N, C-alpha and C. Protein backbone atom coordinates (compact mmCIF):
# COMPACT_ATOMS: atom_id res chain seq x y z
N UNK A 1 24.23 84.54 -3.50
CA UNK A 1 23.02 82.96 -4.02
C UNK A 1 23.87 81.80 -4.36
N UNK A 2 25.22 82.32 -5.26
CA UNK A 2 25.83 81.11 -5.98
C UNK A 2 26.69 80.55 -5.07
N UNK A 3 27.52 81.64 -4.19
CA UNK A 3 28.29 81.07 -2.90
C UNK A 3 27.77 79.55 -2.28
N UNK A 4 26.35 80.38 -2.18
CA UNK A 4 25.36 79.18 -1.29
C UNK A 4 25.25 78.38 -2.34
N UNK A 5 24.96 78.00 -3.25
CA UNK A 5 24.62 76.95 -3.69
C UNK A 5 25.49 76.00 -4.16
N UNK A 6 26.89 76.74 -4.28
CA UNK A 6 28.06 75.90 -4.95
C UNK A 6 28.33 75.12 -3.53
N UNK A 7 28.00 75.64 -2.35
CA UNK A 7 28.35 74.41 -1.35
C UNK A 7 27.28 73.78 -0.77
N UNK A 8 26.45 73.40 -1.30
CA UNK A 8 25.30 72.70 -1.43
C UNK A 8 25.85 71.05 -1.53
N UNK A 9 25.85 70.09 -0.80
CA UNK A 9 25.92 68.87 -1.62
C UNK A 9 25.04 68.17 -2.46
N UNK A 10 23.79 68.59 -2.17
CA UNK A 10 22.40 68.01 -2.87
C UNK A 10 22.68 68.16 -4.32
N UNK A 11 22.14 67.05 -5.09
CA UNK A 11 21.90 67.69 -6.63
C UNK A 11 20.63 68.80 -6.68
N UNK A 12 20.09 68.43 -5.84
CA UNK A 12 18.31 69.47 -6.17
C UNK A 12 18.06 69.97 -4.74
N UNK A 13 17.92 71.04 -5.01
CA UNK A 13 17.42 72.01 -3.81
C UNK A 13 16.33 73.07 -3.92
N UNK A 14 15.51 72.21 -2.96
CA UNK A 14 14.12 72.82 -3.14
C UNK A 14 13.76 73.78 -1.95
N UNK A 15 13.78 75.22 -2.18
CA UNK A 15 13.19 76.26 -1.03
C UNK A 15 12.37 76.96 -1.28
N UNK A 16 11.16 77.09 -0.71
CA UNK A 16 10.31 78.33 -0.25
C UNK A 16 10.29 79.15 0.42
N UNK A 17 10.01 80.59 0.03
CA UNK A 17 9.89 81.74 0.63
C UNK A 17 11.53 81.94 0.21
N UNK A 18 12.05 82.41 -0.26
CA UNK A 18 13.94 82.58 -0.83
C UNK A 18 14.03 83.92 -0.67
N UNK A 19 13.05 85.17 -1.68
CA UNK A 19 13.34 86.51 -1.60
C UNK A 19 11.80 86.72 -2.45
N UNK A 20 11.18 87.96 -1.52
CA UNK A 20 10.24 88.90 -2.32
C UNK A 20 10.80 89.44 -3.46
N UNK A 21 11.71 89.89 -3.56
CA UNK A 21 12.74 90.21 -5.13
C UNK A 21 12.65 89.46 -6.27
N UNK A 22 12.90 88.13 -6.28
CA UNK A 22 12.97 87.01 -6.72
C UNK A 22 11.68 86.65 -7.29
N UNK A 23 10.67 86.60 -6.59
CA UNK A 23 9.40 86.76 -6.65
C UNK A 23 8.81 87.65 -7.74
N UNK A 24 8.88 88.70 -7.34
CA UNK A 24 8.51 89.91 -8.41
C UNK A 24 9.18 89.84 -9.60
N UNK A 25 10.60 89.96 -9.80
CA UNK A 25 11.16 89.60 -10.99
C UNK A 25 10.75 88.27 -11.96
N UNK A 26 10.12 87.39 -11.19
CA UNK A 26 9.82 86.07 -11.69
C UNK A 26 8.50 86.15 -12.17
N UNK A 27 7.76 86.91 -11.48
CA UNK A 27 6.48 87.03 -11.98
C UNK A 27 6.19 87.96 -13.45
N UNK A 28 6.99 88.68 -13.90
CA UNK A 28 7.04 89.19 -14.85
C UNK A 28 8.07 88.54 -15.95
N UNK A 29 8.97 88.09 -15.53
CA UNK A 29 9.84 86.58 -16.36
C UNK A 29 9.30 85.55 -16.76
N UNK A 30 8.89 85.45 -15.69
CA UNK A 30 8.43 83.38 -15.60
C UNK A 30 9.51 82.84 -15.34
N UNK A 31 10.84 83.19 -15.12
CA UNK A 31 12.01 82.41 -15.33
C UNK A 31 13.24 83.16 -14.69
N UNK A 32 14.30 82.75 -14.75
CA UNK A 32 15.12 83.60 -14.05
C UNK A 32 16.41 82.92 -14.20
N UNK A 33 17.61 83.16 -15.12
CA UNK A 33 18.72 82.34 -15.38
C UNK A 33 19.69 83.12 -13.67
N UNK A 34 20.47 82.12 -13.27
CA UNK A 34 21.07 83.01 -11.88
C UNK A 34 22.48 82.45 -12.41
N UNK A 35 23.68 83.45 -12.62
CA UNK A 35 24.96 82.80 -12.97
C UNK A 35 25.99 82.21 -11.59
N UNK A 36 26.18 81.32 -11.88
CA UNK A 36 26.49 80.77 -10.85
C UNK A 36 28.51 81.41 -10.20
N UNK A 37 28.02 82.14 -9.38
CA UNK A 37 29.84 83.49 -9.65
C UNK A 37 30.63 83.46 -11.04
N UNK A 38 31.41 82.77 -11.44
CA UNK A 38 32.08 82.81 -12.49
C UNK A 38 32.11 81.75 -13.57
N UNK A 39 31.38 80.86 -12.81
CA UNK A 39 31.65 79.43 -13.69
C UNK A 39 30.41 79.48 -14.75
N UNK A 40 30.45 78.06 -15.58
CA UNK A 40 29.50 78.46 -16.56
C UNK A 40 28.21 77.78 -16.67
N UNK A 41 28.22 77.59 -15.17
CA UNK A 41 26.79 77.01 -14.62
C UNK A 41 25.62 77.82 -14.49
N UNK A 42 24.73 77.48 -15.19
CA UNK A 42 23.56 78.31 -14.58
C UNK A 42 21.98 77.20 -13.67
N UNK A 43 21.84 78.46 -12.51
CA UNK A 43 20.38 77.53 -12.39
C UNK A 43 19.29 78.30 -12.30
N UNK A 44 18.07 77.67 -12.69
CA UNK A 44 16.84 78.16 -13.07
C UNK A 44 16.05 78.21 -11.98
N UNK A 45 15.71 79.58 -11.36
CA UNK A 45 14.09 79.47 -10.65
C UNK A 45 12.82 79.79 -11.28
N UNK A 46 12.25 79.33 -10.79
CA UNK A 46 10.77 79.30 -11.29
C UNK A 46 9.96 79.92 -10.42
N UNK A 47 9.27 80.50 -10.89
CA UNK A 47 8.67 81.48 -9.50
C UNK A 47 9.17 81.36 -8.50
N UNK A 48 8.53 80.99 -7.35
CA UNK A 48 8.82 80.80 -5.82
C UNK A 48 9.88 79.80 -5.52
N UNK A 49 10.79 79.60 -6.15
CA UNK A 49 12.10 79.04 -6.44
C UNK A 49 12.29 77.89 -6.26
N UNK A 50 12.09 77.51 -7.85
CA UNK A 50 12.74 75.64 -7.97
C UNK A 50 14.10 76.25 -8.33
N UNK A 51 15.48 75.41 -7.53
CA UNK A 51 17.05 75.60 -8.29
C UNK A 51 17.25 74.26 -8.61
N UNK A 52 17.64 73.91 -9.81
CA UNK A 52 18.23 72.49 -10.48
C UNK A 52 19.23 73.21 -10.75
N UNK A 53 20.21 72.11 -10.89
CA UNK A 53 21.43 72.07 -12.04
C UNK A 53 21.06 71.04 -13.25
N UNK A 54 19.64 70.36 -12.77
CA UNK A 54 19.63 69.58 -14.53
C UNK A 54 18.98 70.48 -14.94
N UNK A 55 18.89 69.87 -16.43
CA UNK A 55 18.48 70.11 -17.58
C UNK A 55 16.67 70.42 -17.10
N UNK A 56 16.09 71.44 -17.44
CA UNK A 56 14.51 71.85 -16.90
C UNK A 56 13.76 71.95 -18.17
N UNK A 57 12.39 71.25 -18.22
CA UNK A 57 11.59 70.98 -19.15
C UNK A 57 10.63 72.19 -18.37
N UNK A 58 10.20 73.49 -18.83
CA UNK A 58 9.48 74.12 -18.08
C UNK A 58 8.19 73.79 -18.34
N UNK A 59 7.05 73.94 -17.33
CA UNK A 59 5.47 73.81 -17.58
C UNK A 59 5.05 74.24 -16.78
N UNK A 60 3.82 74.63 -17.03
CA UNK A 60 3.22 75.55 -15.99
C UNK A 60 1.58 74.61 -15.76
N UNK A 61 0.97 74.59 -14.97
CA UNK A 61 -0.32 73.92 -14.55
C UNK A 61 -0.83 74.80 -14.04
N UNK A 62 -2.33 75.17 -14.18
CA UNK A 62 -3.13 75.99 -13.98
C UNK A 62 -4.36 76.02 -13.12
N UNK A 63 -4.52 75.98 -12.20
CA UNK A 63 -5.66 75.52 -11.12
C UNK A 63 -7.01 76.10 -11.50
N UNK A 64 -8.06 75.05 -11.20
CA UNK A 64 -8.96 76.37 -11.55
C UNK A 64 -10.12 76.74 -10.51
N UNK A 65 -9.24 76.66 -9.89
CA UNK A 65 -9.58 77.86 -8.31
C UNK A 65 -8.68 78.77 -7.59
N UNK A 66 -8.65 79.35 -8.99
CA UNK A 66 -7.42 80.83 -8.85
C UNK A 66 -6.24 80.80 -8.16
N UNK A 67 -5.63 79.44 -8.20
CA UNK A 67 -3.92 79.78 -7.79
C UNK A 67 -3.36 79.09 -8.84
N UNK A 68 -2.22 79.48 -9.16
CA UNK A 68 -1.50 78.68 -10.17
C UNK A 68 -0.74 77.85 -9.45
N UNK A 69 -0.24 76.64 -10.40
CA UNK A 69 0.69 75.87 -9.86
C UNK A 69 1.82 75.63 -10.74
N UNK A 70 2.92 76.35 -10.44
CA UNK A 70 3.74 76.33 -11.62
C UNK A 70 4.81 75.26 -11.30
N UNK A 71 5.52 74.57 -12.26
CA UNK A 71 6.17 73.44 -12.16
C UNK A 71 6.64 73.38 -12.93
N UNK A 72 7.96 72.08 -12.91
CA UNK A 72 8.96 71.94 -13.85
C UNK A 72 9.06 70.70 -13.89
N UNK A 73 9.75 70.38 -15.24
CA UNK A 73 10.13 68.92 -15.56
C UNK A 73 12.00 68.66 -15.30
N UNK A 74 12.25 68.29 -14.53
CA UNK A 74 13.47 67.62 -14.80
C UNK A 74 14.14 66.68 -15.02
N UNK A 75 14.71 66.07 -15.95
CA UNK A 75 15.36 65.64 -16.63
C UNK A 75 17.03 65.34 -15.85
N UNK A 76 16.95 63.80 -14.94
CA UNK A 76 18.29 64.00 -13.93
C UNK A 76 18.73 62.87 -14.33
N UNK A 77 18.69 62.58 -15.64
CA UNK A 77 19.47 61.57 -16.40
C UNK A 77 19.19 59.79 -16.08
N UNK A 78 19.78 59.02 -16.75
CA UNK A 78 19.54 57.29 -16.90
C UNK A 78 18.29 57.40 -16.89
N UNK A 79 17.38 58.23 -17.59
CA UNK A 79 16.21 58.13 -18.22
C UNK A 79 15.13 58.46 -16.68
N UNK A 80 15.72 59.01 -16.33
CA UNK A 80 14.78 59.64 -15.18
C UNK A 80 14.22 61.28 -14.83
N UNK A 81 13.27 61.21 -14.77
CA UNK A 81 12.64 62.49 -15.02
C UNK A 81 12.23 62.71 -13.41
N UNK A 82 11.97 64.13 -12.96
CA UNK A 82 11.51 64.62 -12.01
C UNK A 82 10.29 65.72 -12.01
N UNK A 83 9.38 65.66 -11.42
CA UNK A 83 7.92 66.75 -11.55
C UNK A 83 8.08 67.58 -10.57
N UNK A 84 8.79 69.04 -10.46
CA UNK A 84 8.76 69.57 -9.10
C UNK A 84 7.59 70.58 -9.28
N UNK A 85 6.83 71.19 -8.33
CA UNK A 85 5.98 71.93 -8.24
C UNK A 85 5.48 72.79 -6.82
N UNK A 86 5.39 74.06 -7.00
CA UNK A 86 4.91 74.85 -6.34
C UNK A 86 3.55 75.40 -5.95
N UNK A 87 3.47 75.16 -4.42
CA UNK A 87 1.94 75.86 -4.67
C UNK A 87 1.76 77.00 -3.51
N UNK A 88 0.86 77.36 -3.11
CA UNK A 88 0.16 78.43 -2.11
C UNK A 88 -1.00 78.15 -1.98
N UNK A 89 -1.57 77.52 -1.04
CA UNK A 89 -3.25 77.08 -0.73
C UNK A 89 -3.42 78.38 0.02
N UNK A 90 -4.68 78.35 0.00
CA UNK A 90 -5.75 79.42 0.39
C UNK A 90 -5.55 79.92 1.60
N UNK A 91 -4.97 80.86 2.52
CA UNK A 91 -4.78 81.69 3.38
C UNK A 91 -6.19 81.17 4.35
N UNK A 92 -6.22 81.19 5.46
CA UNK A 92 -7.12 80.71 6.53
C UNK A 92 -7.48 81.94 7.09
N UNK A 93 -8.17 82.84 6.26
CA UNK A 93 -8.96 83.77 6.92
C UNK A 93 -10.41 83.98 7.85
N UNK A 94 -10.60 84.17 8.51
CA UNK A 94 -11.78 84.14 9.01
C UNK A 94 -12.97 85.07 8.32
N UNK A 95 -14.50 84.73 8.81
CA UNK A 95 -14.92 83.90 9.51
C UNK A 95 -14.63 82.52 9.14
N UNK A 96 -14.89 82.11 8.05
CA UNK A 96 -14.97 80.42 7.79
C UNK A 96 -13.68 80.13 7.50
N UNK A 97 -12.30 80.29 7.44
CA UNK A 97 -10.94 79.63 7.34
C UNK A 97 -10.90 79.13 6.38
N UNK A 98 -11.84 78.72 5.51
CA UNK A 98 -11.76 78.65 4.25
C UNK A 98 -11.05 76.96 4.03
N UNK A 99 -11.92 76.16 4.91
CA UNK A 99 -10.82 74.82 4.97
C UNK A 99 -11.40 74.06 3.53
N UNK A 100 -12.48 73.78 3.14
CA UNK A 100 -12.90 73.15 2.13
C UNK A 100 -12.45 73.93 0.63
N UNK A 101 -11.97 74.76 0.42
CA UNK A 101 -11.65 75.63 -0.52
C UNK A 101 -10.49 75.10 -0.83
N UNK A 102 -9.02 74.73 0.31
CA UNK A 102 -7.76 74.57 0.77
C UNK A 102 -8.04 73.07 0.18
N UNK A 103 -8.81 72.25 0.66
CA UNK A 103 -8.44 71.22 0.87
C UNK A 103 -9.16 70.96 -0.86
N UNK A 104 -10.00 71.04 -1.55
CA UNK A 104 -10.29 71.34 -2.92
C UNK A 104 -8.75 71.50 -3.66
N UNK A 105 -8.50 72.56 -3.35
CA UNK A 105 -6.83 72.93 -3.99
C UNK A 105 -5.70 72.06 -3.79
N UNK A 106 -5.60 71.25 -2.22
CA UNK A 106 -4.70 70.13 -2.07
C UNK A 106 -5.20 69.09 -3.25
N UNK A 107 -6.17 68.49 -3.56
CA UNK A 107 -7.08 67.51 -3.76
C UNK A 107 -6.21 67.42 -5.82
N UNK A 108 -6.47 69.04 -5.84
CA UNK A 108 -6.82 69.15 -7.59
C UNK A 108 -5.12 69.24 -7.58
N UNK A 109 -4.26 69.99 -6.84
CA UNK A 109 -2.59 70.21 -7.02
C UNK A 109 -2.09 68.39 -7.28
N UNK A 110 -2.09 67.52 -6.06
CA UNK A 110 -1.84 66.36 -6.19
C UNK A 110 -2.38 65.84 -7.37
N UNK A 111 -3.70 65.92 -7.88
CA UNK A 111 -4.28 64.74 -8.61
C UNK A 111 -3.86 65.34 -10.38
N UNK A 112 -3.32 66.76 -10.25
CA UNK A 112 -2.34 67.01 -11.64
C UNK A 112 -1.36 66.23 -11.42
N UNK A 113 -0.13 65.80 -10.59
CA UNK A 113 1.20 65.65 -10.29
C UNK A 113 1.14 64.41 -10.41
N UNK A 114 -0.19 63.58 -9.82
CA UNK A 114 -0.28 62.06 -9.54
C UNK A 114 0.21 61.23 -11.01
N UNK A 115 0.32 62.16 -12.16
CA UNK A 115 0.28 61.25 -13.47
C UNK A 115 1.78 60.83 -13.50
N UNK A 116 2.61 61.78 -12.72
CA UNK A 116 4.58 61.18 -12.92
C UNK A 116 5.08 60.74 -11.87
N UNK A 117 5.84 59.91 -12.20
CA UNK A 117 6.35 58.66 -11.56
C UNK A 117 7.26 58.99 -10.69
N UNK A 118 7.32 60.50 -10.36
CA UNK A 118 8.75 61.20 -9.23
C UNK A 118 7.90 62.56 -9.38
N UNK A 119 7.30 62.86 -8.17
CA UNK A 119 6.95 64.35 -8.09
C UNK A 119 7.08 64.95 -6.63
N UNK A 120 7.33 66.23 -6.53
CA UNK A 120 7.65 66.60 -5.64
C UNK A 120 6.50 68.31 -5.39
N UNK A 121 5.64 67.97 -4.82
CA UNK A 121 5.30 69.39 -4.26
C UNK A 121 5.34 70.08 -3.30
N UNK A 122 5.46 71.33 -2.85
CA UNK A 122 5.71 71.97 -1.96
C UNK A 122 5.71 73.16 -1.93
N UNK A 123 5.88 73.77 -0.46
CA UNK A 123 5.28 75.31 -0.43
C UNK A 123 4.16 75.42 0.51
N UNK A 124 3.83 76.91 0.60
CA UNK A 124 2.77 77.34 1.60
C UNK A 124 1.90 77.01 1.72
N UNK A 125 1.53 75.71 2.58
CA UNK A 125 0.36 75.09 2.06
C UNK A 125 -1.15 75.65 3.27
N UNK A 126 -0.68 76.42 4.01
CA UNK A 126 -1.65 76.89 5.32
C UNK A 126 -2.31 76.20 5.46
N UNK A 127 -1.64 74.52 6.38
CA UNK A 127 -1.96 73.30 6.41
C UNK A 127 -2.19 73.46 8.02
N UNK A 128 -3.66 72.93 8.23
CA UNK A 128 -3.39 72.49 9.96
C UNK A 128 -4.11 71.44 10.01
N UNK A 129 -3.36 70.79 10.56
CA UNK A 129 -4.38 69.25 10.72
C UNK A 129 -5.38 69.26 11.96
N UNK A 130 -5.54 70.29 13.29
CA UNK A 130 -6.54 70.39 13.94
C UNK A 130 -7.72 70.86 13.16
N UNK A 131 -7.31 71.73 12.12
CA UNK A 131 -8.49 72.42 11.54
C UNK A 131 -8.82 71.80 10.01
N UNK A 132 -7.86 71.44 9.53
CA UNK A 132 -8.05 70.89 8.19
C UNK A 132 -8.00 69.40 8.01
N UNK A 133 -7.89 68.90 9.02
CA UNK A 133 -7.83 67.52 8.86
C UNK A 133 -6.62 67.02 8.28
N UNK A 134 -6.12 65.55 7.95
CA UNK A 134 -5.01 64.90 7.62
C UNK A 134 -5.17 65.85 5.75
N UNK A 135 -3.95 65.90 5.59
CA UNK A 135 -3.68 66.34 4.48
C UNK A 135 -3.85 65.27 3.24
N UNK A 136 -4.49 65.36 2.16
CA UNK A 136 -5.54 64.52 0.94
C UNK A 136 -3.94 63.85 0.10
N UNK A 137 -3.59 62.78 0.80
CA UNK A 137 -2.91 61.84 -0.13
C UNK A 137 -2.94 60.81 -0.81
N UNK A 138 -2.52 60.56 -1.85
CA UNK A 138 -3.11 59.18 -2.65
C UNK A 138 -2.12 58.28 -2.32
N UNK A 139 -1.93 57.16 -2.54
CA UNK A 139 -1.35 56.00 -2.62
C UNK A 139 0.10 56.33 -3.41
N UNK A 140 1.13 55.65 -2.08
CA UNK A 140 2.47 56.01 -2.75
C UNK A 140 2.87 57.46 -2.61
N UNK A 141 2.19 58.43 -2.04
CA UNK A 141 2.78 59.92 -1.55
C UNK A 141 2.46 59.92 -0.24
N UNK A 142 4.02 60.82 0.03
CA UNK A 142 3.88 60.98 1.83
C UNK A 142 4.29 62.09 1.75
N UNK A 143 4.05 62.79 3.41
CA UNK A 143 4.79 63.69 3.76
C UNK A 143 5.96 64.05 4.13
N UNK A 144 6.96 64.60 3.48
CA UNK A 144 8.28 64.52 3.93
C UNK A 144 8.69 64.52 5.02
N UNK A 145 8.20 66.07 5.60
CA UNK A 145 8.43 66.00 7.45
C UNK A 145 7.91 64.93 8.05
N UNK A 146 6.75 64.49 8.11
CA UNK A 146 6.43 63.32 9.17
C UNK A 146 7.10 62.02 8.71
N UNK A 147 7.38 61.65 7.41
CA UNK A 147 7.86 60.51 7.20
C UNK A 147 9.77 60.86 7.74
N UNK A 148 10.10 61.44 7.58
CA UNK A 148 11.91 61.88 8.28
C UNK A 148 11.70 62.05 9.95
N UNK A 149 11.00 62.75 9.95
CA UNK A 149 11.12 63.78 11.14
C UNK A 149 9.97 63.68 12.27
N UNK A 150 9.34 62.19 12.42
CA UNK A 150 8.17 62.06 13.12
C UNK A 150 8.11 62.64 14.42
N UNK A 151 8.99 63.23 15.15
CA UNK A 151 8.66 62.98 16.29
C UNK A 151 8.92 64.63 16.49
N UNK A 152 9.58 65.55 15.52
CA UNK A 152 9.56 67.01 15.05
C UNK A 152 8.59 67.56 14.99
N UNK A 153 8.02 68.82 16.03
CA UNK A 153 6.62 69.50 15.33
C UNK A 153 6.89 70.11 13.80
N UNK A 154 8.38 70.76 13.42
CA UNK A 154 8.44 71.34 12.21
C UNK A 154 8.00 72.52 11.96
N UNK A 155 7.77 73.37 13.03
CA UNK A 155 6.89 74.62 12.60
C UNK A 155 7.43 75.58 11.57
N UNK A 156 6.96 75.84 10.87
CA UNK A 156 7.68 77.10 10.05
C UNK A 156 7.48 78.13 9.96
N UNK A 157 6.24 78.20 11.05
CA UNK A 157 5.48 79.67 11.12
C UNK A 157 5.05 79.34 12.54
N UNK A 158 6.45 80.44 13.79
CA UNK A 158 6.26 80.19 15.15
C UNK A 158 6.66 81.60 15.55
N UNK A 159 5.56 82.31 16.21
CA UNK A 159 5.64 83.73 16.23
C UNK A 159 6.72 83.88 17.67
N UNK A 160 7.04 82.57 18.25
CA UNK A 160 7.42 82.36 19.59
C UNK A 160 9.09 82.50 18.79
N UNK A 161 9.52 82.18 18.40
CA UNK A 161 11.04 81.99 18.23
C UNK A 161 11.53 82.77 16.80
N UNK A 162 10.82 83.47 15.87
CA UNK A 162 10.83 83.79 14.74
C UNK A 162 10.58 85.61 14.96
N UNK A 163 12.21 86.26 15.12
CA UNK A 163 12.29 87.83 15.60
C UNK A 163 11.36 88.48 14.17
N UNK A 164 11.04 88.31 13.15
CA UNK A 164 9.95 88.78 12.26
C UNK A 164 8.78 89.15 12.75
N UNK A 165 8.11 87.86 13.79
CA UNK A 165 6.66 87.98 14.18
C UNK A 165 6.84 88.48 15.79
N UNK A 166 7.80 89.24 15.89
CA UNK A 166 8.22 89.77 17.68
C UNK A 166 6.58 90.53 17.64
N UNK A 167 5.84 90.13 18.83
CA UNK A 167 5.04 90.66 19.54
C UNK A 167 3.41 90.35 18.87
N UNK A 168 3.48 89.70 18.04
CA UNK A 168 2.37 88.97 17.65
C UNK A 168 1.66 87.38 18.78
N UNK A 169 0.61 87.58 18.75
CA UNK A 169 -0.28 86.46 19.61
C UNK A 169 0.62 85.24 19.40
N UNK A 170 0.66 84.33 20.39
CA UNK A 170 1.40 82.72 19.85
C UNK A 170 0.73 82.24 19.21
N UNK A 171 1.86 81.58 18.05
CA UNK A 171 1.22 80.76 17.11
C UNK A 171 2.36 80.21 16.32
N UNK A 172 2.33 78.39 16.28
CA UNK A 172 3.14 77.88 15.76
C UNK A 172 2.41 76.92 15.45
N UNK A 173 2.52 76.92 13.71
CA UNK A 173 2.11 75.59 12.99
C UNK A 173 3.20 75.65 12.00
N UNK A 174 3.19 74.21 11.37
CA UNK A 174 3.49 73.91 10.47
C UNK A 174 2.61 74.13 9.13
N UNK A 175 2.86 75.04 8.93
CA UNK A 175 2.26 75.85 7.68
C UNK A 175 2.72 75.22 6.22
N UNK A 176 4.25 75.09 6.18
CA UNK A 176 4.88 75.10 4.82
C UNK A 176 5.24 73.52 5.48
N UNK A 177 4.99 72.88 3.58
CA UNK A 177 5.67 71.70 3.87
C UNK A 177 6.05 70.87 2.56
N UNK A 178 6.36 69.65 2.44
CA UNK A 178 6.42 69.08 0.95
C UNK A 178 5.82 67.51 1.36
N UNK A 179 4.79 67.44 0.48
CA UNK A 179 4.95 66.01 -0.27
C UNK A 179 4.86 65.67 -1.83
N UNK A 180 5.32 64.64 -0.96
CA UNK A 180 5.99 63.63 -2.31
C UNK A 180 5.31 62.33 -2.77
N UNK A 181 5.64 62.18 -4.18
CA UNK A 181 5.39 60.85 -4.68
C UNK A 181 6.92 60.34 -5.39
N UNK A 182 7.68 59.35 -5.17
CA UNK A 182 8.99 58.92 -5.50
C UNK A 182 8.88 57.51 -5.95
N UNK A 183 9.44 57.36 -6.87
CA UNK A 183 9.41 55.70 -7.46
C UNK A 183 10.89 55.11 -7.43
N UNK A 184 11.81 56.60 -8.04
CA UNK A 184 13.34 56.11 -8.21
C UNK A 184 14.15 56.97 -7.22
N UNK A 185 13.50 57.56 -6.62
CA UNK A 185 14.22 58.39 -5.70
C UNK A 185 13.74 57.96 -3.97
N UNK A 186 14.68 58.43 -3.32
CA UNK A 186 14.53 58.17 -2.01
C UNK A 186 14.74 59.50 -0.81
N UNK A 187 13.95 59.79 -0.27
CA UNK A 187 13.83 60.90 0.77
C UNK A 187 15.13 60.79 1.88
N UNK A 188 16.02 61.77 1.60
CA UNK A 188 17.24 62.02 2.44
C UNK A 188 16.67 62.73 3.60
N UNK A 189 16.51 63.64 3.56
CA UNK A 189 16.96 64.62 4.75
C UNK A 189 15.67 66.12 4.60
N UNK A 190 15.20 66.27 5.26
CA UNK A 190 14.67 67.72 5.58
C UNK A 190 14.91 68.64 6.85
N UNK A 191 15.22 69.86 6.55
CA UNK A 191 15.45 70.08 7.63
C UNK A 191 14.70 72.09 7.45
N UNK A 192 14.92 72.94 8.76
CA UNK A 192 14.27 74.04 8.40
C UNK A 192 15.14 74.89 8.39
N UNK A 193 15.28 75.79 7.34
CA UNK A 193 16.36 76.99 7.83
C UNK A 193 15.56 78.51 7.18
N UNK A 194 16.79 78.99 7.62
CA UNK A 194 16.38 80.77 7.31
C UNK A 194 16.12 81.13 9.13
N UNK A 195 16.66 80.32 10.39
CA UNK A 195 15.82 80.46 11.24
C UNK A 195 16.25 81.82 12.02
N UNK A 196 17.30 82.37 11.40
CA UNK A 196 17.17 84.27 11.49
C UNK A 196 16.21 84.97 10.89
N UNK A 197 16.23 86.09 11.17
CA UNK A 197 15.22 87.02 10.53
C UNK A 197 15.30 87.36 9.55
N UNK A 198 14.65 86.80 8.45
CA UNK A 198 15.06 87.47 7.08
C UNK A 198 13.76 87.95 6.35
N UNK A 199 13.61 89.14 6.46
CA UNK A 199 12.95 90.14 5.83
C UNK A 199 12.89 89.88 4.21
N UNK A 200 11.89 89.63 3.85
CA UNK A 200 10.02 90.33 4.02
C UNK A 200 8.95 88.68 4.85
N UNK A 201 10.17 87.78 4.48
CA UNK A 201 9.08 86.26 4.65
C UNK A 201 9.12 86.47 6.44
N UNK A 202 7.89 85.61 6.84
CA UNK A 202 7.44 85.80 8.24
C UNK A 202 7.42 84.00 8.48
N UNK A 203 7.79 83.38 7.32
CA UNK A 203 7.43 81.83 7.65
C UNK A 203 9.24 81.70 7.53
N UNK A 204 10.08 80.38 8.28
CA UNK A 204 11.14 79.79 8.12
C UNK A 204 10.86 79.19 6.52
N UNK A 205 12.59 78.69 5.80
CA UNK A 205 12.22 77.78 4.91
C UNK A 205 12.18 76.13 5.20
N UNK A 206 12.06 75.83 4.23
CA UNK A 206 12.43 74.36 4.30
C UNK A 206 13.11 73.59 3.28
N UNK A 207 13.90 72.82 3.35
CA UNK A 207 15.07 72.72 2.64
C UNK A 207 15.15 70.55 2.90
N UNK A 208 14.68 70.37 1.43
CA UNK A 208 14.49 68.78 1.06
C UNK A 208 15.46 68.35 0.18
N UNK A 209 16.32 66.99 0.66
CA UNK A 209 17.07 66.56 0.20
C UNK A 209 16.24 65.36 -0.33
N UNK A 210 16.62 64.64 -1.52
CA UNK A 210 16.24 63.91 -2.01
C UNK A 210 17.63 62.92 -3.20
N UNK A 211 17.67 61.30 -3.23
CA UNK A 211 18.50 60.85 -3.91
C UNK A 211 18.02 59.69 -4.73
N UNK A 212 19.49 59.39 -5.51
CA UNK A 212 18.77 57.96 -6.30
C UNK A 212 18.38 56.94 -5.27
N UNK A 213 17.62 55.99 -5.83
CA UNK A 213 17.49 54.71 -4.83
C UNK A 213 18.96 53.74 -5.32
C-alpha cells in the first residue's frame, strides 16, 4: 500500500472498495494510520478508504435511515478545506428494489454535505438511471464521471469483464460513483482501477483526481 501511494502523483486519493480486511479493522477502530514505508508520513483511512496526506479533522455524519455516512474534513492549505464522505446506498433487492429509500438516502447525504464549500461524496450508490432516475444533484453539484467522460459507460459492476463475477448473468452497471461540489478545486481525472480480479470485491474501484483552481 505504501509503495502504491508513493507513486501516486495526486495529492488526494479517493478509492472505494479497497480491502475487506481494512473495512473490518476500521469498523472496530474508526480510523487507521498506515506507515508509508520507512518515512515519517502517514495516511489516514477512514472507514471504506479515504486516503490523504493532508491534516484530517475527523467527523462522522449519521443518516437517519440506518446507513452511516462517514466523512472527514481535510485542511488542504491556503485556507481551503475539503469535506470527503463515503456512502453505501440501499441495495436494490427484490421485490421492491428499494428505489425510494435509495433516493431518500442520496438526497439526505447531499443535503448534509451541501453546507461545505468543497465536498466529495463517493461510494457504492447502487444507482441505475433506468430504474432510479437521475441522481439528485443540487446546483453546483456534478457527477465526476459524466462530467469528465461523458462518452464512456463507466461500468464498475460488469459480469462480462470481471473475473470475480464469472458465471453470473450479464449485468453491466455504473453502480459506484463520485458526486462533487467544488468551489476551490477542479476535476482533473477519473478512471476505473482494479480491473484484475481482486477478491473479495465484486466491483471495480474508482480513482478520482482533483486539483486547485
